[in-house]
Amino acid sequence: MSDTTTHLGLPYLMAAQAQKHVTHNEALRLLDGLVQLSVLDRNRTSPPASPSDGDRHLVAAGATGLWAGWDLNVAFRVDGAWLRLVPRPGWRVWVADEGVLLVYDGSTWAGTTPSALQELTRIGLGATADASNPFLAQINAALWTALATGAGGSGSLIQSLNKQASSHDLGFLFQTGFSTRALMGLFGSDNLRLAVSPDGSTFLDALVADPATGILDQPRLPRFKAFTNYDNYVDVDTWTKIGINVTDANDQAAFDAANNRFVAPVDGTYLFGATLMFKINASTAARMTGRLVVNGSTVLRGSQGENSGTHRSEATAIWLQTMAVLAAGDTVELQGHFRAHDGYFAADHTSFWGVKLG
């Protein structure tokens, strides 16, 4: 029968043993050094100059002096002397100065962080993951960086997201107070979509890209095309707003057909164009002029033009085009003028259009 325990080597009290307290105290001393094992450090090869009773160190390779031959053993300072604790496979030790937990595998002390994690069902980083969010991270910053070629990588980083079928959703949600304010991805189709929301329930598409054509659309871009459906009479030498009252297109309802004018929905740069078609009244030399006017009074620079030659009814036209920087609420209207004789601007062929550029 052995006189020590199998795993920790604690001395047994033997039958008829004298001074049993010595053996018992030795066992307690060993237990005090081994149970809840924690060492101050693991990089020393020789004892510190001024140790304190109870200090423990994991001896580094190449030990010298009093610790010679104690490589990878635990040096335990007790009763003014160093006690050697020889580890066995499975021992665990906390290294205080590094804040790491090590385990002895029979030949070395290894970190307890596994090199691979497989088939996990949940990961909570700074918070508790649940069934709805099996991966949850509550953090202030994150970084993904490519493995460099010098470290055995390709130097590139590609992240793939996959959905089961076209009708399913795949993308990113951007939230404020856990209420979605923007989304980007493939939602309900394979069109790449960027949408925004004022309330988390109503979503407005800002950009949509068709995967079949590569064409990028801005469904909410302010743009319109409108015309007049009646002949607009204009007296001699009188600037007159043309009654552009029917829209072919009117995204964002930016064109006010009831008042024959465009109303800027937001600040920005806009491109406008117009066609003024002459219709005879009393003269074919009416000297027709057109222009675009901001807020009913300011002529939009670069928008005014005149045709002063011989006019041909429902054939002679003026084409206007220019850009304007507008504030939300600014209006733009089309005006016409005859300098020599009165006349009409023809129904259906006199038109006005515009689009926001940026």
Protein backbone atom coordinates (compact mmCIF):
# COMPACT_ATOMS: atom_id res chain seq x y z
CA MET A 1 0.00 0.00 0.00
CA SER A 2 1.31 3.45 -0.97
CA ASP A 3 1.94 5.97 1.77
CA THR A 4 0.68 8.89 -0.41
CA THR A 5 -2.56 9.61 -2.28
CA THR A 6 -2.75 8.77 -6.00
CA HIS A 7 -3.36 12.22 -7.52
CA LEU A 8 -1.99 14.87 -5.20
CA GLY A 9 0.67 12.83 -3.39
CA LEU A 10 -0.68 13.75 0.05
CA PRO A 11 0.89 11.68 2.86
CA TYR A 12 -1.31 9.16 4.64
CA LEU A 13 -1.42 8.80 8.41
CA MET A 14 -0.02 5.32 9.05
CA ALA A 15 -1.13 2.89 11.75
CA ALA A 16 0.63 3.37 15.08
CA GLN A 17 2.49 6.35 13.63
CA ALA A 18 4.13 8.66 16.11
CA GLN A 19 3.75 12.44 15.74
CA LYS A 20 0.77 12.10 13.41
CA HIS A 21 0.33 15.86 13.44
CA VAL A 22 3.51 16.24 11.37
CA THR A 23 2.12 14.10 8.57
CA HIS A 24 -1.29 15.74 8.83
CA ASN A 25 0.20 19.22 8.67
CA GLU A 26 2.29 18.23 5.65
CA ALA A 27 -0.89 17.11 3.85
CA LEU A 28 -2.60 20.39 4.77
CA ARG A 29 0.42 22.33 3.52
CA LEU A 30 0.24 20.56 0.16
CA LEU A 31 -3.51 21.12 -0.08
CA ASP A 32 -3.03 24.79 0.68
CA GLY A 33 -0.64 25.05 -2.22
CA LEU A 34 -2.64 22.98 -4.71
CA VAL A 35 -6.34 23.69 -4.15
CA GLN A 36 -7.68 26.68 -6.16
CA LEU A 37 -4.23 26.89 -7.72
CA SER A 38 -3.16 30.41 -8.66
CA VAL A 39 0.37 31.63 -9.38
CA LEU A 40 1.77 35.15 -9.52
CA ASP A 41 3.52 34.66 -12.86
CA ARG A 42 5.04 32.07 -15.22
CA ASN A 43 8.19 33.69 -16.61
CA ARG A 44 10.69 33.31 -13.75
CA THR A 45 13.66 30.92 -13.92
CA SER A 46 14.92 31.69 -10.41
CA PRO A 47 13.30 32.71 -7.11
CA PRO A 48 12.48 36.37 -6.45
CA ALA A 49 14.73 38.24 -4.03
CA SER A 50 12.09 38.87 -1.34
CA PRO A 51 9.37 36.23 -1.47
CA SER A 52 6.42 36.08 0.92
CA ASP A 53 4.98 32.97 2.45
CA GLY A 54 2.16 31.70 0.27
CA ASP A 55 3.68 33.00 -2.98
CA ARG A 56 3.41 30.60 -5.90
CA HIS A 57 5.14 30.78 -9.27
CA LEU A 58 4.95 28.63 -12.38
CA VAL A 59 8.64 27.98 -13.07
CA ALA A 60 9.75 28.82 -16.62
CA ALA A 61 11.96 26.56 -18.75
CA GLY A 62 15.70 26.81 -18.02
CA ALA A 63 15.33 27.20 -14.24
CA THR A 64 18.47 27.81 -12.18
CA GLY A 65 19.58 28.09 -8.57
CA LEU A 66 17.12 26.77 -5.99
CA TRP A 67 14.66 26.06 -8.80
CA ALA A 68 17.06 24.13 -11.02
CA GLY A 69 15.27 21.13 -12.50
CA TRP A 70 11.85 22.55 -11.60
CA ASP A 71 10.93 23.57 -15.17
CA LEU A 72 7.11 23.86 -15.57
CA ASN A 73 6.62 22.91 -11.91
CA VAL A 74 4.90 25.09 -9.30
CA ALA A 75 7.24 26.70 -6.76
CA PHE A 76 5.36 27.25 -3.49
CA ARG A 77 6.86 29.43 -0.74
CA VAL A 78 5.84 28.03 2.62
CA ASP A 79 7.37 28.28 6.11
CA GLY A 80 10.34 30.21 4.72
CA ALA A 81 11.31 27.59 2.13
CA TRP A 82 10.43 26.69 -1.45
CA LEU A 83 8.27 23.60 -1.96
CA ARG A 84 8.15 21.93 -5.37
CA LEU A 85 4.73 20.88 -6.65
CA VAL A 86 5.01 18.56 -9.66
CA PRO A 87 1.97 18.93 -11.94
CA ARG A 88 -0.04 16.07 -13.37
CA PRO A 89 -2.17 16.09 -16.55
CA GLY A 90 -5.38 18.02 -16.06
CA TRP A 91 -4.13 20.45 -13.42
CA ARG A 92 -5.38 23.99 -13.96
CA VAL A 93 -3.67 27.19 -12.85
CA TRP A 94 -4.66 30.86 -12.91
CA VAL A 95 -1.77 33.17 -13.88
CA ALA A 96 -2.56 36.39 -12.04
CA ASP A 97 -0.33 38.88 -13.85
CA GLU A 98 -1.70 37.84 -17.27
CA GLY A 99 -5.27 37.01 -16.33
CA VAL A 100 -5.17 33.65 -18.15
CA LEU A 101 -6.17 30.12 -17.19
CA LEU A 102 -3.77 27.31 -18.16
CA VAL A 103 -4.08 23.53 -18.11
CA TYR A 104 -1.24 21.01 -17.93
CA ASP A 105 -1.41 18.35 -20.66
CA GLY A 106 1.44 16.22 -19.44
CA SER A 107 4.22 18.07 -21.21
CA THR A 108 3.35 21.77 -21.20
CA TRP A 109 0.96 24.36 -19.80
CA ALA A 110 -1.54 25.32 -22.51
CA GLY A 111 -4.19 28.02 -22.71
CA THR A 112 -7.74 26.90 -22.11
CA THR A 113 -9.17 28.91 -25.02
CA PRO A 114 -10.02 26.28 -27.67
CA SER A 115 -8.58 26.64 -31.16
CA ALA A 116 -11.94 25.75 -32.72
CA LEU A 117 -15.57 26.18 -31.72
CA GLN A 118 -18.00 23.90 -33.52
CA GLU A 119 -21.78 23.39 -33.52
CA LEU A 120 -22.50 26.17 -31.02
CA THR A 121 -26.15 27.15 -30.74
CA ARG A 122 -25.70 30.61 -29.18
CA ILE A 123 -23.00 33.21 -28.62
CA GLY A 124 -23.53 36.25 -26.41
CA LEU A 125 -20.80 38.88 -26.40
CA GLY A 126 -21.42 41.40 -23.63
CA ALA A 127 -25.07 40.34 -23.48
CA THR A 128 -27.24 37.21 -23.38
CA ALA A 129 -28.11 35.63 -26.71
CA ASP A 130 -31.57 34.15 -27.15
CA ALA A 131 -33.53 32.07 -29.65
CA SER A 132 -34.39 35.13 -31.76
CA ASN A 133 -30.81 36.41 -31.73
CA PRO A 134 -28.50 33.39 -31.35
CA PHE A 135 -25.51 35.66 -31.97
CA LEU A 136 -25.67 38.86 -29.94
CA ALA A 137 -22.86 41.38 -29.42
CA GLN A 138 -23.21 44.44 -27.21
CA ILE A 139 -20.05 46.38 -28.07
CA ASN A 140 -18.89 49.82 -29.18
CA ALA A 141 -16.60 48.84 -32.05
CA ALA A 142 -15.80 45.88 -34.28
CA LEU A 143 -13.11 45.20 -36.86
CA TRP A 144 -12.84 42.62 -39.60
CA THR A 145 -9.45 42.60 -41.30
CA ALA A 146 -7.98 40.40 -44.00
CA LEU A 147 -5.33 37.82 -43.16
CA ALA A 148 -2.20 39.24 -44.77
CA THR A 149 -0.17 37.29 -47.32
CA GLY A 150 2.80 37.32 -44.94
CA ALA A 151 0.70 35.48 -42.35
CA GLY A 152 -0.42 32.82 -44.81
CA GLY A 153 -3.57 34.57 -46.02
CA SER A 154 -4.61 36.04 -49.35
CA GLY A 155 -4.71 39.67 -48.22
CA SER A 156 -8.40 39.84 -49.20
CA LEU A 157 -11.54 39.67 -47.10
CA ILE A 158 -14.87 38.52 -48.55
CA GLN A 159 -17.98 38.11 -46.43
CA SER A 160 -20.87 36.15 -47.94
CA LEU A 161 -24.52 36.31 -46.95
CA ASN A 162 -26.92 33.74 -48.41
CA LYS A 163 -30.69 33.25 -48.46
CA GLN A 164 -32.65 30.15 -49.41
CA ALA A 165 -34.72 31.56 -52.27
CA SER A 166 -35.38 34.79 -54.14
CA SER A 167 -38.65 35.43 -52.27
CA HIS A 168 -36.89 35.45 -48.90
CA ASP A 169 -35.09 38.37 -47.24
CA LEU A 170 -31.37 39.03 -46.91
CA GLY A 171 -29.86 42.26 -45.69
CA PHE A 172 -28.96 44.74 -43.02
CA LEU A 173 -31.29 46.78 -40.80
CA PHE A 174 -30.14 50.10 -39.37
CA GLN A 175 -32.06 51.05 -36.24
CA THR A 176 -32.59 53.83 -33.73
CA GLY A 177 -33.88 52.63 -30.37
CA PHE A 178 -34.45 49.22 -32.01
CA SER A 179 -36.81 50.79 -34.56
CA THR A 180 -35.62 50.35 -38.16
CA ARG A 181 -34.80 53.58 -40.00
CA ALA A 182 -33.05 52.09 -43.03
CA LEU A 183 -32.55 48.72 -44.68
CA MET A 184 -30.21 47.51 -47.39
CA GLY A 185 -30.18 44.15 -49.13
CA LEU A 186 -32.34 41.71 -51.08
CA PHE A 187 -35.83 41.90 -49.58
CA GLY A 188 -38.54 39.77 -51.16
CA SER A 189 -36.63 39.54 -54.46
CA ASP A 190 -33.11 39.63 -55.89
CA ASN A 191 -33.27 43.38 -56.50
CA LEU A 192 -30.68 45.24 -54.43
CA ARG A 193 -32.71 47.68 -52.37
CA LEU A 194 -31.93 50.65 -50.14
CA ALA A 195 -34.97 51.92 -48.28
CA VAL A 196 -35.59 54.35 -45.43
CA SER A 197 -38.37 54.71 -42.88
CA PRO A 198 -39.61 57.55 -40.66
CA ASP A 199 -41.33 55.21 -38.19
CA GLY A 200 -40.08 51.63 -38.58
CA SER A 201 -43.19 50.44 -40.41
CA THR A 202 -43.49 52.47 -43.63
CA PHE A 203 -40.51 52.04 -45.97
CA LEU A 204 -39.61 54.24 -48.94
CA ASP A 205 -37.25 52.93 -51.62
CA ALA A 206 -34.36 55.32 -52.23
CA LEU A 207 -32.41 53.03 -54.59
CA VAL A 208 -33.31 49.81 -56.41
CA ALA A 209 -30.90 47.91 -58.69
CA ASP A 210 -32.25 45.31 -61.13
CA PRO A 211 -29.91 42.26 -61.24
CA ALA A 212 -31.06 41.37 -64.77
CA THR A 213 -30.06 44.70 -66.30
CA GLY A 214 -27.84 46.43 -63.76
CA ILE A 215 -30.07 49.50 -64.08
CA LEU A 216 -30.22 51.62 -60.93
CA ASP A 217 -33.50 53.39 -60.22
CA GLN A 218 -34.36 56.08 -57.69
CA PRO A 219 -38.11 55.53 -57.21
CA ARG A 220 -38.55 58.51 -54.89
CA LEU A 221 -36.53 60.99 -56.94
CA PRO A 222 -38.58 64.17 -57.52
CA ARG A 223 -39.28 64.31 -61.30
CA PHE A 224 -42.16 65.26 -63.53
CA LYS A 225 -43.31 65.68 -67.14
CA ALA A 226 -46.40 67.84 -67.76
CA PHE A 227 -48.20 69.61 -70.60
CA THR A 228 -51.14 71.88 -71.32
CA ASN A 229 -54.28 70.35 -72.80
CA TYR A 230 -55.67 73.62 -74.18
CA ASP A 231 -54.44 76.45 -76.43
CA ASN A 232 -53.02 79.20 -74.19
CA TYR A 233 -53.77 82.70 -75.50
CA VAL A 234 -51.04 85.30 -74.86
CA ASP A 235 -51.56 88.98 -75.60
CA VAL A 236 -48.93 91.21 -77.17
CA ASP A 237 -46.03 92.19 -74.93
CA THR A 238 -47.49 90.40 -71.89
CA TRP A 239 -45.61 87.69 -69.95
CA THR A 240 -48.18 85.01 -69.20
CA LYS A 241 -47.93 81.84 -67.12
CA ILE A 242 -48.68 78.83 -69.32
CA GLY A 243 -51.44 76.59 -67.99
CA ILE A 244 -49.43 73.37 -67.65
CA ASN A 245 -52.24 71.33 -66.14
CA VAL A 246 -51.78 67.63 -67.03
CA THR A 247 -48.94 65.36 -65.88
CA ASP A 248 -47.48 62.40 -67.76
CA ALA A 249 -45.34 61.62 -64.72
CA ASN A 250 -45.19 63.22 -61.30
CA ASP A 251 -43.00 61.38 -58.78
CA GLN A 252 -43.26 62.75 -55.24
CA ALA A 253 -46.26 64.80 -56.49
CA ALA A 254 -43.81 67.67 -56.93
CA PHE A 255 -45.73 69.25 -59.81
CA ASP A 256 -48.81 71.23 -58.74
CA ALA A 257 -51.09 70.91 -61.79
CA ALA A 258 -53.84 72.96 -60.17
CA ASN A 259 -51.51 75.97 -60.02
CA ASN A 260 -49.43 75.13 -63.12
CA ARG A 261 -46.08 75.04 -61.34
CA PHE A 262 -43.37 72.84 -59.86
CA VAL A 263 -42.84 72.98 -56.07
CA ALA A 264 -39.43 71.81 -54.78
CA PRO A 265 -40.05 69.13 -52.10
CA VAL A 266 -36.49 69.39 -50.70
CA ASP A 267 -33.38 71.54 -51.05
CA GLY A 268 -31.23 70.56 -54.02
CA THR A 269 -30.07 71.05 -57.59
CA TYR A 270 -32.70 70.54 -60.27
CA LEU A 271 -32.67 70.29 -64.06
CA PHE A 272 -35.61 71.79 -65.97
CA GLY A 273 -36.69 71.87 -69.58
CA ALA A 274 -39.66 73.13 -71.59
CA THR A 275 -41.11 73.24 -75.09
CA LEU A 276 -43.26 76.17 -76.26
CA MET A 277 -45.13 75.44 -79.50
CA PHE A 278 -46.52 78.39 -81.56
CA LYS A 279 -50.10 78.40 -82.82
CA ILE A 280 -51.25 81.13 -85.21
CA ASN A 281 -53.75 83.79 -84.21
CA ALA A 282 -53.26 86.76 -86.54
CA SER A 283 -49.61 86.74 -87.59
CA THR A 284 -46.83 84.33 -88.50
CA ALA A 285 -44.22 86.83 -87.24
CA ALA A 286 -45.27 86.97 -83.63
CA ARG A 287 -41.70 86.83 -82.22
CA MET A 288 -42.30 84.16 -79.60
CA THR A 289 -40.33 84.18 -76.27
CA GLY A 290 -40.29 81.79 -73.31
CA ARG A 291 -38.68 81.58 -69.87
CA LEU A 292 -38.73 79.77 -66.52
CA VAL A 293 -39.49 81.84 -63.41
CA VAL A 294 -38.71 81.05 -59.74
CA ASN A 295 -41.25 82.01 -57.10
CA GLY A 296 -43.31 83.95 -59.64
CA SER A 297 -40.81 86.79 -60.09
CA THR A 298 -37.18 85.74 -60.64
CA VAL A 299 -36.17 84.66 -64.15
CA LEU A 300 -34.12 81.49 -63.97
CA ARG A 301 -30.76 82.43 -65.46
CA GLY A 302 -30.13 80.72 -68.79
CA SER A 303 -33.76 79.75 -69.30
CA GLN A 304 -35.02 82.56 -71.59
CA GLY A 305 -35.08 82.21 -75.37
CA GLU A 306 -36.81 83.73 -78.41
CA ASN A 307 -37.72 82.74 -81.94
CA SER A 308 -38.16 85.95 -83.98
CA GLY A 309 -38.26 84.57 -87.52
CA THR A 310 -41.26 83.61 -89.57
CA HIS A 311 -43.45 81.29 -87.49
CA ARG A 312 -45.21 78.24 -88.76
CA SER A 313 -48.36 77.33 -86.85
CA GLU A 314 -47.98 74.18 -84.68
CA ALA A 315 -44.45 73.66 -86.03
CA THR A 316 -42.30 76.53 -84.72
CA ALA A 317 -41.11 75.90 -81.17
CA ILE A 318 -38.71 77.09 -78.50
CA TRP A 319 -36.79 74.61 -76.34
CA LEU A 320 -35.54 75.75 -72.96
CA GLN A 321 -33.20 73.95 -70.56
CA THR A 322 -31.27 74.98 -67.44
CA MET A 323 -30.32 74.00 -63.89
CA ALA A 324 -31.38 75.65 -60.65
CA VAL A 325 -30.42 75.40 -57.00
CA LEU A 326 -33.69 75.53 -55.04
CA ALA A 327 -34.77 75.50 -51.44
CA ALA A 328 -37.69 73.38 -50.28
CA GLY A 329 -40.93 75.17 -51.19
CA ASP A 330 -39.50 77.19 -54.09
CA THR A 331 -41.72 77.22 -57.19
CA VAL A 332 -40.84 77.16 -60.88
CA GLU A 333 -43.32 78.02 -63.64
CA LEU A 334 -43.24 78.34 -67.43
CA GLN A 335 -44.08 81.74 -68.97
CA GLY A 336 -44.61 82.80 -72.58
CA HIS A 337 -44.56 86.14 -74.45
CA PHE A 338 -45.33 87.53 -77.95
CA ARG A 339 -43.47 90.67 -78.97
CA ALA A 340 -45.12 91.76 -82.25
CA HIS A 341 -48.55 90.17 -82.38
CA ASP A 342 -50.61 88.06 -80.05
CA GLY A 343 -50.95 84.30 -80.43
CA TYR A 344 -51.37 80.93 -78.77
CA PHE A 345 -49.14 78.31 -77.28
CA ALA A 346 -50.49 75.05 -78.65
CA ALA A 347 -52.33 72.44 -76.62
CA ASP A 348 -50.65 69.01 -76.16
CA HIS A 349 -47.33 70.20 -77.64
CA THR A 350 -46.41 72.83 -75.03
CA SER A 351 -44.75 71.02 -72.13
CA PHE A 352 -42.60 71.41 -69.03
CA TRP A 353 -40.39 68.84 -67.25
CA GLY A 354 -37.86 68.61 -64.41
CA VAL A 355 -35.81 66.27 -62.22
CA LYS A 356 -33.71 66.56 -59.08
CA LEU A 357 -30.00 66.00 -59.78
CA GLY A 358 -28.54 66.10 -56.29
